[in-house]
Amino acid sequence: MKEHQFYALYPSKEAKDTIGRRKGYFEDLLMYCGMAFDPTEDVTALCSNGESDSLFVWNDQVMKELKAKGGEVRKYQLDAVAYLWELCYDLLLGTRVTMCL
């Protein structure tokens, strides 16, 4: 890892021997996390209803409610998945830790 170009440009502040020209310190970098899906591609694993290879389980009650809204059910499913990802990301950024036993 030490020889990788990224770590040479942004070594840890504690690193004793750095290779190459330092552009900054690893500890000063900000991390960004991006998640996306292209609805024009095959997103069957996100929208499958009761399939064994599905990433999400859409039970009959949820599907009934989505269909009752009118419009494109697949779009509602993908929106729900996006909101779930956003919720998980927000929870990861939280500063309070609560343990459930």
PDB file of N, CA and C in Angstrom:
ATOM      1  N   MET A   1       0.818  -1.196   0.000  1.00  0.00           N
ATOM      2  CA  MET A   1       0.000   0.000   0.000  1.00  0.00           C
ATOM      3  C   MET A   1       0.865   1.263   0.000  1.00  0.00           C
ATOM      4  N   LYS A   2       1.997   1.171   0.675  1.00  0.00           N
ATOM      5  CA  LYS A   2       2.839   2.353   0.811  1.00  0.00           C
ATOM      6  C   LYS A   2       3.327   2.884  -0.534  1.00  0.00           C
ATOM      7  N   GLU A   3       3.497   1.987  -1.496  1.00  0.00           N
ATOM      8  CA  GLU A   3       4.017   2.412  -2.787  1.00  0.00           C
ATOM      9  C   GLU A   3       2.940   2.970  -3.709  1.00  0.00           C
ATOM     10  N   HIS A   4       1.674   2.815  -3.351  1.00  0.00           N
ATOM     11  CA  HIS A   4       0.592   3.294  -4.209  1.00  0.00           C
ATOM     12  C   HIS A   4       0.666   4.819  -4.324  1.00  0.00           C
ATOM     13  N   GLN A   5       0.438   5.338  -5.521  1.00  0.00           N
ATOM     14  CA  GLN A   5       0.566   6.758  -5.816  1.00  0.00           C
ATOM     15  C   GLN A   5      -0.287   7.629  -4.883  1.00  0.00           C
ATOM     16  N   PHE A   6      -1.505   7.179  -4.576  1.00  0.00           N
ATOM     17  CA  PHE A   6      -2.394   7.954  -3.715  1.00  0.00           C
ATOM     18  C   PHE A   6      -1.774   8.186  -2.347  1.00  0.00           C
ATOM     19  N   TYR A   7      -1.219   7.126  -1.765  1.00  0.00           N
ATOM     20  CA  TYR A   7      -0.633   7.238  -0.430  1.00  0.00           C
ATOM     21  C   TYR A   7       0.681   8.018  -0.461  1.00  0.00           C
ATOM     22  N   ALA A   8       1.313   8.058  -1.590  1.00  0.00           N
ATOM     23  CA  ALA A   8       2.518   8.876  -1.721  1.00  0.00           C
ATOM     24  C   ALA A   8       2.148  10.361  -1.744  1.00  0.00           C
ATOM     25  N   LEU A   9       1.020  10.690  -2.367  1.00  0.00           N
ATOM     26  CA  LEU A   9       0.583  12.084  -2.451  1.00  0.00           C
ATOM     27  C   LEU A   9      -0.071  12.556  -1.162  1.00  0.00           C
ATOM     28  N   TYR A  10      -0.724  11.643  -0.449  1.00  0.00           N
ATOM     29  CA  TYR A  10      -1.435  11.987   0.783  1.00  0.00           C
ATOM     30  C   TYR A  10      -1.048  11.019   1.904  1.00  0.00           C
ATOM     31  N   PRO A  11       0.170  11.118   2.391  1.00  0.00           N
ATOM     32  CA  PRO A  11       0.604  10.198   3.457  1.00  0.00           C
ATOM     33  C   PRO A  11      -0.032  10.586   4.787  1.00  0.00           C
ATOM     34  N   SER A  12      -0.013   9.658   5.709  1.00  0.00           N
ATOM     35  CA  SER A  12      -0.470   9.941   7.066  1.00  0.00           C
ATOM     36  C   SER A  12       0.496  10.919   7.719  1.00  0.00           C
ATOM     37  N   LYS A  13      -0.028  11.716   8.629  1.00  0.00           N
ATOM     38  CA  LYS A  13       0.836  12.660   9.350  1.00  0.00           C
ATOM     39  C   LYS A  13       1.876  11.913  10.185  1.00  0.00           C
ATOM     40  N   GLU A  14       1.570  10.675  10.533  1.00  0.00           N
ATOM     41  CA  GLU A  14       2.486   9.881  11.354  1.00  0.00           C
ATOM     42  C   GLU A  14       3.536   9.141  10.523  1.00  0.00           C
ATOM     43  N   ALA A  15       3.408   9.168   9.201  1.00  0.00           N
ATOM     44  CA  ALA A  15       4.343   8.436   8.345  1.00  0.00           C
ATOM     45  C   ALA A  15       5.736   9.042   8.464  1.00  0.00           C
ATOM     46  N   LYS A  16       6.707   8.168   8.619  1.00  0.00           N
ATOM     47  CA  LYS A  16       8.082   8.638   8.800  1.00  0.00           C
ATOM     48  C   LYS A  16       8.787   8.844   7.465  1.00  0.00           C
ATOM     49  N   ASP A  17       8.637   7.882   6.568  1.00  0.00           N
ATOM     50  CA  ASP A  17       9.309   8.010   5.279  1.00  0.00           C
ATOM     51  C   ASP A  17       8.253   8.054   4.179  1.00  0.00           C
ATOM     52  N   THR A  18       8.107   9.223   3.573  1.00  0.00           N
ATOM     53  CA  THR A  18       7.134   9.389   2.500  1.00  0.00           C
ATOM     54  C   THR A  18       7.843   9.323   1.161  1.00  0.00           C
ATOM     55  N   ILE A  19       7.127   8.804   0.188  1.00  0.00           N
ATOM     56  CA  ILE A  19       7.676   8.638  -1.149  1.00  0.00           C
ATOM     57  C   ILE A  19       7.046   9.687  -2.056  1.00  0.00           C
ATOM     58  N   GLY A  20       7.820  10.384  -2.824  1.00  0.00           N
ATOM     59  CA  GLY A  20       7.289  11.348  -3.787  1.00  0.00           C
ATOM     60  C   GLY A  20       6.948  12.691  -3.163  1.00  0.00           C
ATOM     61  N   ARG A  21       6.200  13.461  -3.907  1.00  0.00           N
ATOM     62  CA  ARG A  21       5.838  14.798  -3.455  1.00  0.00           C
ATOM     63  C   ARG A  21       4.504  14.767  -2.734  1.00  0.00           C
ATOM     64  N   ARG A  22       4.485  15.267  -1.529  1.00  0.00           N
ATOM     65  CA  ARG A  22       3.262  15.301  -0.740  1.00  0.00           C
ATOM     66  C   ARG A  22       2.379  16.456  -1.199  1.00  0.00           C
ATOM     67  N   LYS A  23       1.078  16.157  -1.442  1.00  0.00           N
ATOM     68  CA  LYS A  23       0.108  17.199  -1.774  1.00  0.00           C
ATOM     69  C   LYS A  23      -0.729  17.566  -0.555  1.00  0.00           C
ATOM     70  N   GLY A  24      -0.683  16.726   0.449  1.00  0.00           N
ATOM     71  CA  GLY A  24      -1.456  16.968   1.659  1.00  0.00           C
ATOM     72  C   GLY A  24      -1.343  15.765   2.563  1.00  0.00           C
ATOM     73  N   TYR A  25      -2.131  15.770   3.611  1.00  0.00           N
ATOM     74  CA  TYR A  25      -2.125  14.659   4.547  1.00  0.00           C
ATOM     75  C   TYR A  25      -3.427  13.878   4.441  1.00  0.00           C
ATOM     76  N   PHE A  26      -3.325  12.571   4.615  1.00  0.00           N
ATOM     77  CA  PHE A  26      -4.482  11.683   4.537  1.00  0.00           C
ATOM     78  C   PHE A  26      -5.550  12.098   5.545  1.00  0.00           C
ATOM     79  N   GLU A  27      -5.142  12.477   6.747  1.00  0.00           N
ATOM     80  CA  GLU A  27      -6.085  12.848   7.796  1.00  0.00           C
ATOM     81  C   GLU A  27      -6.895  14.101   7.458  1.00  0.00           C
ATOM     82  N   ASP A  28      -6.410  14.915   6.536  1.00  0.00           N
ATOM     83  CA  ASP A  28      -7.104  16.147   6.174  1.00  0.00           C
ATOM     84  C   ASP A  28      -8.078  15.970   5.000  1.00  0.00           C
ATOM     85  N   LEU A  29      -8.092  14.782   4.407  1.00  0.00           N
ATOM     86  CA  LEU A  29      -8.991  14.539   3.282  1.00  0.00           C
ATOM     87  C   LEU A  29     -10.418  14.349   3.773  1.00  0.00           C
ATOM     88  N   LEU A  30     -11.373  14.748   2.955  1.00  0.00           N
ATOM     89  CA  LEU A  30     -12.788  14.518   3.237  1.00  0.00           C
ATOM     90  C   LEU A  30     -13.260  13.341   2.407  1.00  0.00           C
ATOM     91  N   MET A  31     -14.090  12.513   2.993  1.00  0.00           N
ATOM     92  CA  MET A  31     -14.592  11.351   2.270  1.00  0.00           C
ATOM     93  C   MET A  31     -16.024  11.622   1.804  1.00  0.00           C
ATOM     94  N   TYR A  32     -16.275  11.281   0.576  1.00  0.00           N
ATOM     95  CA  TYR A  32     -17.618  11.388   0.022  1.00  0.00           C
ATOM     96  C   TYR A  32     -18.052  10.002  -0.417  1.00  0.00           C
ATOM     97  N   CYS A  33     -19.300   9.720  -0.218  1.00  0.00           N
ATOM     98  CA  CYS A  33     -19.850   8.420  -0.602  1.00  0.00           C
ATOM     99  C   CYS A  33     -20.971   8.659  -1.590  1.00  0.00           C
ATOM    100  N   GLY A  34     -20.876   8.069  -2.740  1.00  0.00           N
ATOM    101  CA  GLY A  34     -21.925   8.221  -3.741  1.00  0.00           C
ATOM    102  C   GLY A  34     -22.553   6.883  -4.074  1.00  0.00           C
ATOM    103  N   MET A  35     -23.845   6.872  -4.196  1.00  0.00           N
ATOM    104  CA  MET A  35     -24.564   5.663  -4.574  1.00  0.00           C
ATOM    105  C   MET A  35     -25.558   6.050  -5.661  1.00  0.00           C
ATOM    106  N   ALA A  36     -25.658   5.208  -6.642  1.00  0.00           N
ATOM    107  CA  ALA A  36     -26.585   5.510  -7.726  1.00  0.00           C
ATOM    108  C   ALA A  36     -26.977   4.227  -8.436  1.00  0.00           C
ATOM    109  N   PHE A  37     -28.069   4.304  -9.131  1.00  0.00           N
ATOM    110  CA  PHE A  37     -28.460   3.229 -10.030  1.00  0.00           C
ATOM    111  C   PHE A  37     -29.070   3.877 -11.252  1.00  0.00           C
ATOM    112  N   ASP A  38     -28.929   3.219 -12.358  1.00  0.00           N
ATOM    113  CA  ASP A  38     -29.464   3.716 -13.618  1.00  0.00           C
ATOM    114  C   ASP A  38     -30.762   2.977 -13.898  1.00  0.00           C
ATOM    115  N   PRO A  39     -31.905   3.644 -13.783  1.00  0.00           N
ATOM    116  CA  PRO A  39     -33.185   2.962 -13.985  1.00  0.00           C
ATOM    117  C   PRO A  39     -33.399   2.448 -15.404  1.00  0.00           C
ATOM    118  N   THR A  40     -32.550   2.881 -16.337  1.00  0.00           N
ATOM    119  CA  THR A  40     -32.681   2.360 -17.700  1.00  0.00           C
ATOM    120  C   THR A  40     -31.970   1.017 -17.848  1.00  0.00           C
ATOM    121  N   GLU A  41     -31.122   0.679 -16.865  1.00  0.00           N
ATOM    122  CA  GLU A  41     -30.444  -0.617 -16.868  1.00  0.00           C
ATOM    123  C   GLU A  41     -31.311  -1.647 -16.157  1.00  0.00           C
ATOM    124  N   ASP A  42     -30.826  -2.868 -16.073  1.00  0.00           N
ATOM    125  CA  ASP A  42     -31.561  -3.944 -15.415  1.00  0.00           C
ATOM    126  C   ASP A  42     -31.483  -3.760 -13.900  1.00  0.00           C
ATOM    127  N   VAL A  43     -32.579  -3.346 -13.299  1.00  0.00           N
ATOM    128  CA  VAL A  43     -32.650  -3.163 -11.845  1.00  0.00           C
ATOM    129  C   VAL A  43     -33.641  -4.167 -11.243  1.00  0.00           C
ATOM    130  N   THR A  44     -33.764  -5.303 -11.890  1.00  0.00           N
ATOM    131  CA  THR A  44     -34.700  -6.336 -11.454  1.00  0.00           C
ATOM    132  C   THR A  44     -34.452  -6.738 -10.006  1.00  0.00           C
ATOM    133  N   ALA A  45     -33.197  -6.829  -9.600  1.00  0.00           N
ATOM    134  CA  ALA A  45     -32.872  -7.254  -8.240  1.00  0.00           C
ATOM    135  C   ALA A  45     -33.379  -6.263  -7.192  1.00  0.00           C
ATOM    136  N   LEU A  46     -33.654  -5.018  -7.599  1.00  0.00           N
ATOM    137  CA  LEU A  46     -34.191  -4.031  -6.676  1.00  0.00           C
ATOM    138  C   LEU A  46     -35.709  -4.035  -6.638  1.00  0.00           C
ATOM    139  N   CYS A  47     -36.320  -4.531  -7.687  1.00  0.00           N
ATOM    140  CA  CYS A  47     -37.778  -4.435  -7.825  1.00  0.00           C
ATOM    141  C   CYS A  47     -38.502  -5.772  -7.845  1.00  0.00           C
ATOM    142  N   SER A  48     -37.784  -6.874  -7.696  1.00  0.00           N
ATOM    143  CA  SER A  48     -38.415  -8.189  -7.758  1.00  0.00           C
ATOM    144  C   SER A  48     -39.379  -8.377  -6.597  1.00  0.00           C
ATOM    145  N   ASN A  49     -40.508  -8.971  -6.884  1.00  0.00           N
ATOM    146  CA  ASN A  49     -41.515  -9.215  -5.857  1.00  0.00           C
ATOM    147  C   ASN A  49     -41.475 -10.684  -5.459  1.00  0.00           C
ATOM    148  N   GLY A  50     -40.851 -10.968  -4.310  1.00  0.00           N
ATOM    149  CA  GLY A  50     -40.814 -12.328  -3.810  1.00  0.00           C
ATOM    150  C   GLY A  50     -39.828 -13.248  -4.496  1.00  0.00           C
ATOM    151  N   GLU A  51     -38.926 -12.708  -5.275  1.00  0.00           N
ATOM    152  CA  GLU A  51     -37.935 -13.529  -5.966  1.00  0.00           C
ATOM    153  C   GLU A  51     -36.807 -13.891  -5.009  1.00  0.00           C
ATOM    154  N   SER A  52     -36.230 -15.060  -5.187  1.00  0.00           N
ATOM    155  CA  SER A  52     -35.151 -15.503  -4.293  1.00  0.00           C
ATOM    156  C   SER A  52     -33.856 -14.723  -4.521  1.00  0.00           C
ATOM    157  N   ASP A  53     -33.683 -14.131  -5.698  1.00  0.00           N
ATOM    158  CA  ASP A  53     -32.463 -13.378  -5.984  1.00  0.00           C
ATOM    159  C   ASP A  53     -32.646 -11.867  -5.811  1.00  0.00           C
ATOM    160  N   SER A  54     -33.735 -11.466  -5.191  1.00  0.00           N
ATOM    161  CA  SER A  54     -34.020 -10.051  -5.002  1.00  0.00           C
ATOM    162  C   SER A  54     -33.222  -9.486  -3.835  1.00  0.00           C
ATOM    163  N   LEU A  55     -32.766  -8.265  -3.967  1.00  0.00           N
ATOM    164  CA  LEU A  55     -32.057  -7.596  -2.878  1.00  0.00           C
ATOM    165  C   LEU A  55     -33.036  -7.048  -1.845  1.00  0.00           C
ATOM    166  N   PHE A  56     -34.244  -6.740  -2.259  1.00  0.00           N
ATOM    167  CA  PHE A  56     -35.276  -6.210  -1.386  1.00  0.00           C
ATOM    168  C   PHE A  56     -36.522  -7.081  -1.492  1.00  0.00           C
ATOM    169  N   VAL A  57     -37.228  -7.199  -0.393  1.00  0.00           N
ATOM    170  CA  VAL A  57     -38.452  -7.990  -0.389  1.00  0.00           C
ATOM    171  C   VAL A  57     -39.641  -7.034  -0.383  1.00  0.00           C
ATOM    172  N   TRP A  58     -40.425  -7.124  -1.399  1.00  0.00           N
ATOM    173  CA  TRP A  58     -41.626  -6.316  -1.508  1.00  0.00           C
ATOM    174  C   TRP A  58     -42.806  -7.243  -1.235  1.00  0.00           C
ATOM    175  N   ASN A  59     -43.310  -7.196   0.003  1.00  0.00           N
ATOM    176  CA  ASN A  59     -44.400  -8.114   0.330  1.00  0.00           C
ATOM    177  C   ASN A  59     -45.706  -7.659  -0.320  1.00  0.00           C
ATOM    178  N   ASP A  60     -46.708  -8.510  -0.241  1.00  0.00           N
ATOM    179  CA  ASP A  60     -47.978  -8.243  -0.924  1.00  0.00           C
ATOM    180  C   ASP A  60     -48.645  -6.967  -0.437  1.00  0.00           C
ATOM    181  N   GLN A  61     -48.564  -6.694   0.856  1.00  0.00           N
ATOM    182  CA  GLN A  61     -49.189  -5.480   1.400  1.00  0.00           C
ATOM    183  C   GLN A  61     -48.543  -4.220   0.825  1.00  0.00           C
ATOM    184  N   VAL A  62     -47.225  -4.204   0.782  1.00  0.00           N
ATOM    185  CA  VAL A  62     -46.517  -3.049   0.238  1.00  0.00           C
ATOM    186  C   VAL A  62     -46.838  -2.881  -1.246  1.00  0.00           C
ATOM    187  N   MET A  63     -46.819  -3.981  -1.987  1.00  0.00           N
ATOM    188  CA  MET A  63     -47.126  -3.908  -3.420  1.00  0.00           C
ATOM    189  C   MET A  63     -48.549  -3.396  -3.646  1.00  0.00           C
ATOM    190  N   LYS A  64     -49.474  -3.805  -2.818  1.00  0.00           N
ATOM    191  CA  LYS A  64     -50.867  -3.350  -2.930  1.00  0.00           C
ATOM    192  C   LYS A  64     -50.949  -1.835  -2.721  1.00  0.00           C
ATOM    193  N   GLU A  65     -50.227  -1.346  -1.710  1.00  0.00           N
ATOM    194  CA  GLU A  65     -50.217   0.092  -1.446  1.00  0.00           C
ATOM    195  C   GLU A  65     -49.557   0.876  -2.576  1.00  0.00           C
ATOM    196  N   LEU A  66     -48.473   0.346  -3.134  1.00  0.00           N
ATOM    197  CA  LEU A  66     -47.810   1.025  -4.243  1.00  0.00           C
ATOM    198  C   LEU A  66     -48.704   1.080  -5.479  1.00  0.00           C
ATOM    199  N   LYS A  67     -49.399  -0.017  -5.753  1.00  0.00           N
ATOM    200  CA  LYS A  67     -50.297  -0.061  -6.914  1.00  0.00           C
ATOM    201  C   LYS A  67     -51.485   0.875  -6.725  1.00  0.00           C
ATOM    202  N   ALA A  68     -51.944   1.037  -5.476  1.00  0.00           N
ATOM    203  CA  ALA A  68     -53.083   1.906  -5.195  1.00  0.00           C
ATOM    204  C   ALA A  68     -52.752   3.379  -5.441  1.00  0.00           C
ATOM    205  N   LYS A  69     -51.485   3.741  -5.391  1.00  0.00           N
ATOM    206  CA  LYS A  69     -51.074   5.120  -5.627  1.00  0.00           C
ATOM    207  C   LYS A  69     -51.274   5.535  -7.079  1.00  0.00           C
ATOM    208  N   GLY A  70     -51.355   4.547  -7.972  1.00  0.00           N
ATOM    209  CA  GLY A  70     -51.431   4.863  -9.393  1.00  0.00           C
ATOM    210  C   GLY A  70     -50.041   5.209  -9.907  1.00  0.00           C
ATOM    211  N   GLY A  71     -49.870   5.246 -11.173  1.00  0.00           N
ATOM    212  CA  GLY A  71     -48.559   5.555 -11.721  1.00  0.00           C
ATOM    213  C   GLY A  71     -47.708   4.306 -11.868  1.00  0.00           C
ATOM    214  N   GLU A  72     -46.426   4.529 -12.047  1.00  0.00           N
ATOM    215  CA  GLU A  72     -45.503   3.429 -12.311  1.00  0.00           C
ATOM    216  C   GLU A  72     -44.953   2.859 -11.005  1.00  0.00           C
ATOM    217  N   VAL A  73     -45.321   1.629 -10.687  1.00  0.00           N
ATOM    218  CA  VAL A  73     -44.915   0.964  -9.454  1.00  0.00           C
ATOM    219  C   VAL A  73     -43.397   0.846  -9.374  1.00  0.00           C
ATOM    220  N   ARG A  74     -42.767   0.536 -10.478  1.00  0.00           N
ATOM    221  CA  ARG A  74     -41.303   0.378 -10.497  1.00  0.00           C
ATOM    222  C   ARG A  74     -40.610   1.658 -10.048  1.00  0.00           C
ATOM    223  N   LYS A  75     -41.128   2.814 -10.473  1.00  0.00           N
ATOM    224  CA  LYS A  75     -40.541   4.093 -10.060  1.00  0.00           C
ATOM    225  C   LYS A  75     -40.693   4.280  -8.556  1.00  0.00           C
ATOM    226  N   TYR A  76     -41.838   3.935  -7.995  1.00  0.00           N
ATOM    227  CA  TYR A  76     -42.034   4.036  -6.549  1.00  0.00           C
ATOM    228  C   TYR A  76     -41.060   3.121  -5.802  1.00  0.00           C
ATOM    229  N   GLN A  77     -40.839   1.937  -6.337  1.00  0.00           N
ATOM    230  CA  GLN A  77     -39.899   1.012  -5.702  1.00  0.00           C
ATOM    231  C   GLN A  77     -38.483   1.583  -5.711  1.00  0.00           C
ATOM    232  N   LEU A  78     -38.064   2.106  -6.850  1.00  0.00           N
ATOM    233  CA  LEU A  78     -36.712   2.664  -6.951  1.00  0.00           C
ATOM    234  C   LEU A  78     -36.556   3.899  -6.068  1.00  0.00           C
ATOM    235  N   ASP A  79     -37.606   4.709  -5.964  1.00  0.00           N
ATOM    236  CA  ASP A  79     -37.563   5.859  -5.058  1.00  0.00           C
ATOM    237  C   ASP A  79     -37.415   5.398  -3.612  1.00  0.00           C
ATOM    238  N   ALA A  80     -38.141   4.341  -3.244  1.00  0.00           N
ATOM    239  CA  ALA A  80     -38.054   3.812  -1.878  1.00  0.00           C
ATOM    240  C   ALA A  80     -36.648   3.294  -1.582  1.00  0.00           C
ATOM    241  N   VAL A  81     -36.041   2.625  -2.543  1.00  0.00           N
ATOM    242  CA  VAL A  81     -34.674   2.122  -2.371  1.00  0.00           C
ATOM    243  C   VAL A  81     -33.711   3.302  -2.189  1.00  0.00           C
ATOM    244  N   ALA A  82     -33.882   4.349  -2.984  1.00  0.00           N
ATOM    245  CA  ALA A  82     -33.018   5.531  -2.870  1.00  0.00           C
ATOM    246  C   ALA A  82     -33.172   6.182  -1.499  1.00  0.00           C
ATOM    247  N   TYR A  83     -34.392   6.287  -1.006  1.00  0.00           N
ATOM    248  CA  TYR A  83     -34.620   6.860   0.321  1.00  0.00           C
ATOM    249  C   TYR A  83     -34.008   5.987   1.412  1.00  0.00           C
ATOM    250  N   LEU A  84     -34.076   4.676   1.243  1.00  0.00           N
ATOM    251  CA  LEU A  84     -33.464   3.766   2.214  1.00  0.00           C
ATOM    252  C   LEU A  84     -31.955   3.961   2.245  1.00  0.00           C
ATOM    253  N   TRP A  85     -31.314   4.075   1.076  1.00  0.00           N
ATOM    254  CA  TRP A  85     -29.876   4.323   1.019  1.00  0.00           C
ATOM    255  C   TRP A  85     -29.546   5.646   1.716  1.00  0.00           C
ATOM    256  N   GLU A  86     -30.365   6.673   1.469  1.00  0.00           N
ATOM    257  CA  GLU A  86     -30.128   7.972   2.087  1.00  0.00           C
ATOM    258  C   GLU A  86     -30.261   7.878   3.610  1.00  0.00           C
ATOM    259  N   LEU A  87     -31.249   7.144   4.083  1.00  0.00           N
ATOM    260  CA  LEU A  87     -31.433   6.959   5.515  1.00  0.00           C
ATOM    261  C   LEU A  87     -30.224   6.246   6.137  1.00  0.00           C
ATOM    262  N   CYS A  88     -29.758   5.192   5.491  1.00  0.00           N
ATOM    263  CA  CYS A  88     -28.582   4.473   5.991  1.00  0.00           C
ATOM    264  C   CYS A  88     -27.367   5.379   6.042  1.00  0.00           C
ATOM    265  N   TYR A  89     -27.170   6.175   5.014  1.00  0.00           N
ATOM    266  CA  TYR A  89     -26.037   7.092   4.983  1.00  0.00           C
ATOM    267  C   TYR A  89     -26.148   8.111   6.114  1.00  0.00           C
ATOM    268  N   ASP A  90     -27.355   8.649   6.340  1.00  0.00           N
ATOM    269  CA  ASP A  90     -27.553   9.607   7.432  1.00  0.00           C
ATOM    270  C   ASP A  90     -27.257   8.970   8.780  1.00  0.00           C
ATOM    271  N   LEU A  91     -27.662   7.717   8.963  1.00  0.00           N
ATOM    272  CA  LEU A  91     -27.383   7.024  10.214  1.00  0.00           C
ATOM    273  C   LEU A  91     -25.880   6.819  10.417  1.00  0.00           C
ATOM    274  N   LEU A  92     -25.167   6.555   9.338  1.00  0.00           N
ATOM    275  CA  LEU A  92     -23.719   6.374   9.437  1.00  0.00           C
ATOM    276  C   LEU A  92     -23.008   7.672   9.822  1.00  0.00           C
ATOM    277  N   LEU A  93     -23.595   8.795   9.451  1.00  0.00           N
ATOM    278  CA  LEU A  93     -22.993  10.091   9.768  1.00  0.00           C
ATOM    279  C   LEU A  93     -23.322  10.555  11.183  1.00  0.00           C
ATOM    280  N   GLY A  94     -24.280   9.911  11.819  1.00  0.00           N
ATOM    281  CA  GLY A  94     -24.711  10.320  13.148  1.00  0.00           C
ATOM    282  C   GLY A  94     -23.580  10.229  14.162  1.00  0.00           C
ATOM    283  N   THR A  95     -23.615  11.144  15.118  1.00  0.00           N
ATOM    284  CA  THR A  95     -22.567  11.183  16.139  1.00  0.00           C
ATOM    285  C   THR A  95     -22.968  10.439  17.407  1.00  0.00           C
ATOM    286  N   ARG A  96     -24.231  10.164  17.571  1.00  0.00           N
ATOM    287  CA  ARG A  96     -24.694   9.440  18.757  1.00  0.00           C
ATOM    288  C   ARG A  96     -24.712   7.941  18.477  1.00  0.00           C
ATOM    289  N   VAL A  97     -24.230   7.192  19.414  1.00  0.00           N
ATOM    290  CA  VAL A  97     -24.219   5.736  19.269  1.00  0.00           C
ATOM    291  C   VAL A  97     -25.164   5.161  20.318  1.00  0.00           C
ATOM    292  N   THR A  98     -26.110   4.366  19.878  1.00  0.00           N
ATOM    293  CA  THR A  98     -27.040   3.736  20.793  1.00  0.00           C
ATOM    294  C   THR A  98     -26.908   2.235  20.617  1.00  0.00           C
ATOM    295  N   MET A  99     -26.733   1.532  21.698  1.00  0.00           N
ATOM    296  CA  MET A  99     -26.628   0.079  21.618  1.00  0.00           C
ATOM    297  C   MET A  99     -27.947  -0.548  22.023  1.00  0.00           C
ATOM    298  N   CYS A 100     -28.387  -1.454  21.240  1.00  0.00           N
ATOM    299  CA  CYS A 100     -29.587  -2.222  21.561  1.00  0.00           C
ATOM    300  C   CYS A 100     -29.149  -3.615  21.967  1.00  0.00           C
ATOM    301  N   LEU A 101     -29.546  -4.038  23.128  1.00  0.00           N
ATOM    302  CA  LEU A 101     -29.182  -5.376  23.592  1.00  0.00           C
ATOM    303  C   LEU A 101     -30.367  -6.284  23.557  1.00  0.00           C
TER     304      LEU A 101
END
